[in-house]
Amino acid sequence: MARGTPGRTPPDARLTRAKVGLVLAALLAVSDLASLLSIPDSDEPGPPAAVLIAGAAYGVITLVAVVYTWRTGNRIGARVVAGSRILSMIGHFRPSSSPTYLTSAPSPVGPS
């Protein structure tokens, strides 16, 4: 196919999109690492220290994978970046931040 054929993305546009995604992932990873600076005491509200430490670990994995993918262009590195960002997002989800209709529903098993 020719370069101007509709329905096909030129290679330079795909490369630009990939680089933008890697930069955004790197920024999110740095914010995960920065969360270690604000670990709350046990009596303060906020996420538990284990969640922040796990998020920071995912941040390190993301940064290493971003550097690897940026230098090599390998798709496996991009998949590691995506996977670590998904796991980091799941770790930051807390039931207390979910809507009340999800947390105040009666138990289907019965009273406990």
Protein backbone atom coordinates (compact mmCIF):
# COMPACT_ATOMS: atom_id res chain seq x y z
CA MET A 1 0.00 0.00 0.00
CA ALA A 2 1.09 3.51 -0.65
CA ARG A 3 1.87 5.88 2.16
CA GLY A 4 -1.23 8.02 1.57
CA THR A 5 -3.69 5.12 1.48
CA PRO A 6 -6.69 5.67 3.77
CA GLY A 7 -7.11 3.26 6.67
CA ARG A 8 -3.42 2.83 7.30
CA THR A 9 -1.45 4.78 9.91
CA PRO A 10 1.97 5.93 8.76
CA PRO A 11 4.89 4.49 10.76
CA ASP A 12 6.04 7.89 12.02
CA ALA A 13 2.59 8.60 13.51
CA ARG A 14 2.62 5.25 15.34
CA LEU A 15 6.08 6.01 16.68
CA THR A 16 4.93 9.42 17.92
CA ARG A 17 1.91 7.89 19.67
CA ALA A 18 4.10 5.27 21.31
CA LYS A 19 6.56 7.89 22.56
CA VAL A 20 3.74 10.02 23.99
CA GLY A 21 2.37 6.95 25.78
CA LEU A 22 5.78 6.14 27.19
CA VAL A 23 6.22 9.69 28.48
CA LEU A 24 2.79 9.58 30.16
CA ALA A 25 3.59 6.21 31.73
CA ALA A 26 6.91 7.56 33.00
CA LEU A 27 5.16 10.56 34.58
CA LEU A 28 2.68 8.27 36.31
CA ALA A 29 5.54 6.09 37.53
CA VAL A 30 7.33 9.11 38.99
CA SER A 31 4.12 10.09 40.80
CA ASP A 32 3.96 6.55 42.23
CA LEU A 33 7.51 6.95 43.52
CA ALA A 34 6.70 10.38 44.96
CA SER A 35 3.89 8.84 46.99
CA LEU A 36 6.55 7.23 49.18
CA LEU A 37 7.35 10.69 50.53
CA SER A 38 3.90 10.98 52.09
CA ILE A 39 3.35 7.66 53.87
CA PRO A 40 0.80 8.48 56.58
CA ASP A 41 1.10 7.40 60.20
CA SER A 42 -1.18 4.61 61.35
CA ASP A 43 -3.68 7.06 62.90
CA GLU A 44 -3.87 9.39 59.86
CA PRO A 45 -6.34 8.83 57.03
CA GLY A 46 -4.93 7.62 53.77
CA PRO A 47 -3.86 4.48 52.02
CA PRO A 48 -1.91 1.88 53.99
CA ALA A 49 1.86 1.94 53.69
CA ALA A 50 1.82 -1.45 51.93
CA VAL A 51 -0.28 -0.04 49.10
CA LEU A 52 2.09 2.90 48.65
CA ILE A 53 5.15 0.64 48.70
CA ALA A 54 3.59 -1.72 46.15
CA GLY A 55 2.72 1.27 43.95
CA ALA A 56 6.30 2.48 44.17
CA ALA A 57 7.54 -0.96 43.16
CA TYR A 58 5.26 -0.85 40.12
CA GLY A 59 6.61 2.62 39.43
CA VAL A 60 10.17 1.29 39.36
CA ILE A 61 9.12 -1.55 37.05
CA THR A 62 7.38 0.96 34.79
CA LEU A 63 10.41 3.26 34.61
CA VAL A 64 12.77 0.40 33.78
CA ALA A 65 10.38 -0.87 31.09
CA VAL A 66 9.93 2.65 29.66
CA VAL A 67 13.70 3.11 29.30
CA TYR A 68 14.05 -0.36 27.76
CA THR A 69 11.19 0.24 25.31
CA TRP A 70 12.39 3.72 24.38
CA ARG A 71 15.88 2.44 23.55
CA THR A 72 14.97 -0.80 21.81
CA GLY A 73 11.45 -0.25 20.48
CA ASN A 74 10.60 -3.76 21.65
CA ARG A 75 6.90 -4.54 22.07
CA ILE A 76 7.53 -6.76 25.06
CA GLY A 77 8.73 -3.71 26.98
CA ALA A 78 5.58 -1.83 26.00
CA ARG A 79 3.49 -4.70 27.32
CA VAL A 80 5.39 -4.64 30.61
CA VAL A 81 4.73 -0.89 30.84
CA ALA A 82 1.01 -1.40 30.24
CA GLY A 83 0.79 -4.30 32.69
CA SER A 84 2.60 -2.48 35.47
CA ARG A 85 0.37 0.57 35.02
CA ILE A 86 -2.75 -1.61 35.21
CA LEU A 87 -1.51 -3.32 38.37
CA SER A 88 -0.63 0.04 39.88
CA MET A 89 -4.12 1.34 39.14
CA ILE A 90 -5.74 -1.72 40.73
CA GLY A 91 -3.58 -1.25 43.83
CA HIS A 92 -4.77 2.34 44.25
CA PHE A 93 -8.44 1.40 44.06
CA ARG A 94 -9.93 1.40 47.52
CA PRO A 95 -13.47 0.30 48.36
CA SER A 96 -13.93 3.48 50.41
CA SER A 97 -13.66 5.52 47.22
CA SER A 98 -16.33 3.50 45.39
CA PRO A 99 -19.88 4.83 45.07
CA THR A 100 -22.18 4.29 48.05
CA TYR A 101 -24.59 2.14 46.06
CA LEU A 102 -21.79 -0.41 45.71
CA THR A 103 -20.72 -0.45 49.35
CA SER A 104 -24.09 -0.12 51.12
CA ALA A 105 -25.84 -3.03 49.38
CA PRO A 106 -27.05 -5.82 51.68
CA SER A 107 -25.09 -9.02 51.73
CA PRO A 108 -26.51 -11.72 49.44
CA VAL A 109 -25.54 -14.38 52.01
CA GLY A 110 -27.60 -12.94 54.83
CA PRO A 111 -26.81 -11.30 58.14
CA SER A 112 -23.41 -11.99 59.57
